[in-house]
C-alpha atoms as a PDB file:
ATOM      1  CA  MET A   1       3.291  14.363  -6.384  1.00  0.00           C
ATOM      2  CA  GLY A   2       4.021  12.515  -9.584  1.00  0.00           C
ATOM      3  CA  LYS A   3       4.401   8.835 -10.370  1.00  0.00           C
ATOM      4  CA  LYS A   4       8.131   8.802  -9.629  1.00  0.00           C
ATOM      5  CA  ASN A   5       7.621  10.024  -6.050  1.00  0.00           C
ATOM      6  CA  PHE A   6       5.135   7.235  -5.354  1.00  0.00           C
ATOM      7  CA  GLU A   7       7.342   4.584  -6.960  1.00  0.00           C
ATOM      8  CA  ASN A   8      10.047   5.484  -4.423  1.00  0.00           C
ATOM      9  CA  MET A   9       7.748   3.956  -1.778  1.00  0.00           C
ATOM     10  CA  ILE A  10       8.268   0.433  -3.189  1.00  0.00           C
ATOM     11  CA  GLY A  11      10.207  -1.706  -0.740  1.00  0.00           C
ATOM     12  CA  LYS A  12       9.544   0.595   2.211  1.00  0.00           C
ATOM     13  CA  ASN A  13       7.615  -0.479   5.289  1.00  0.00           C
ATOM     14  CA  LEU A  14       4.252   1.225   5.681  1.00  0.00           C
ATOM     15  CA  THR A  15       1.447   0.610   8.147  1.00  0.00           C
ATOM     16  CA  PHE A  16      -1.402  -1.127   6.339  1.00  0.00           C
ATOM     17  CA  TYR A  17      -4.876  -1.795   7.688  1.00  0.00           C
ATOM     18  CA  CYS A  18      -5.708  -5.506   7.540  1.00  0.00           C
ATOM     19  CA  VAL A  19      -9.366  -6.229   6.792  1.00  0.00           C
ATOM     20  CA  LYS A  20      -9.241  -9.786   8.147  1.00  0.00           C
ATOM     21  CA  CYS A  21      -7.921  -9.032  11.631  1.00  0.00           C
ATOM     22  CA  ARG A  22      -9.031  -5.368  11.671  1.00  0.00           C
ATOM     23  CA  HIS A  23      -5.649  -4.199  12.887  1.00  0.00           C
ATOM     24  CA  LYS A  24      -2.892  -2.083  11.434  1.00  0.00           C
ATOM     25  CA  HIS A  25       0.496  -3.673  11.035  1.00  0.00           C
ATOM     26  CA  PRO A  26       3.627  -2.846   9.039  1.00  0.00           C
ATOM     27  CA  SER A  27       4.220  -4.475   5.669  1.00  0.00           C
ATOM     28  CA  LYS A  28       6.522  -3.870   2.696  1.00  0.00           C
ATOM     29  CA  VAL A  29       5.110  -2.047  -0.320  1.00  0.00           C
ATOM     30  CA  GLU A  30       5.176  -4.408  -3.315  1.00  0.00           C
ATOM     31  CA  LYS A  31       3.802  -2.139  -6.030  1.00  0.00           C
ATOM     32  CA  VAL A  32       2.151   1.221  -6.590  1.00  0.00           C
ATOM     33  CA  VAL A  33      -1.123   1.322  -8.526  1.00  0.00           C
ATOM     34  CA  LYS A  34      -3.191   4.230  -9.837  1.00  0.00           C
ATOM     35  CA  LYS A  35      -6.965   3.848  -9.612  1.00  0.00           C
ATOM     36  CA  GLY A  36      -8.872   6.821 -10.938  1.00  0.00           C
ATOM     37  CA  LYS A  37      -7.075   9.890  -9.608  1.00  0.00           C
ATOM     38  CA  ALA A  38      -5.714   8.233  -6.466  1.00  0.00           C
ATOM     39  CA  TRP A  39      -2.438   6.361  -5.946  1.00  0.00           C
ATOM     40  CA  PHE A  40      -2.434   3.217  -3.814  1.00  0.00           C
ATOM     41  CA  ALA A  41       0.340   1.171  -2.257  1.00  0.00           C
ATOM     42  CA  VAL A  42      -0.288  -2.577  -2.553  1.00  0.00           C
ATOM     43  CA  SER A  43       1.087  -5.228  -0.211  1.00  0.00           C
ATOM     44  CA  THR A  44       0.326  -8.759   0.956  1.00  0.00           C
ATOM     45  CA  CYS A  45      -0.484  -9.577   4.568  1.00  0.00           C
ATOM     46  CA  GLU A  46       2.120 -11.954   6.021  1.00  0.00           C
ATOM     47  CA  LYS A  47      -0.283 -13.329   8.636  1.00  0.00           C
ATOM     48  CA  HIS A  48      -3.368 -13.860   6.461  1.00  0.00           C
ATOM     49  CA  GLY A  49      -2.171 -13.716   2.850  1.00  0.00           C
ATOM     50  CA  ASN A  50      -4.762 -11.174   1.747  1.00  0.00           C
ATOM     51  CA  THR A  51      -4.038  -8.074  -0.308  1.00  0.00           C
ATOM     52  CA  LEU A  52      -3.520  -4.824   1.594  1.00  0.00           C
ATOM     53  CA  TRP A  53      -4.280  -1.424   0.088  1.00  0.00           C
ATOM     54  CA  LYS A  54      -3.196   1.981   1.366  1.00  0.00           C
ATOM     55  CA  ILE A  55      -4.015   5.288  -0.291  1.00  0.00           C
ATOM     56  CA  LEU A  56      -0.902   7.391  -0.863  1.00  0.00           C
ATOM     57  CA  GLY A  57      -2.414  10.512  -2.385  1.00  0.00           C
ATOM     58  CA  ARG A  58      -4.119  12.048  -5.349  1.00  0.00           C
ATOM     59  CA  ALA A  59      -2.309  13.067  -8.503  1.00  0.00           C
END
């Protein structure tokens, strides 16, 4: 999948794993970032305010 496919995820609700409470809960995707060869969805936890990362796939 290319960049455009991953950018379509912005604004959608995905299940992110929260490091602080060690639980998965849904959150809106704020931006899509490429680190190395992998694409990540980035969001902010509503309960704790920390940054949530979810791997989307490798390009």
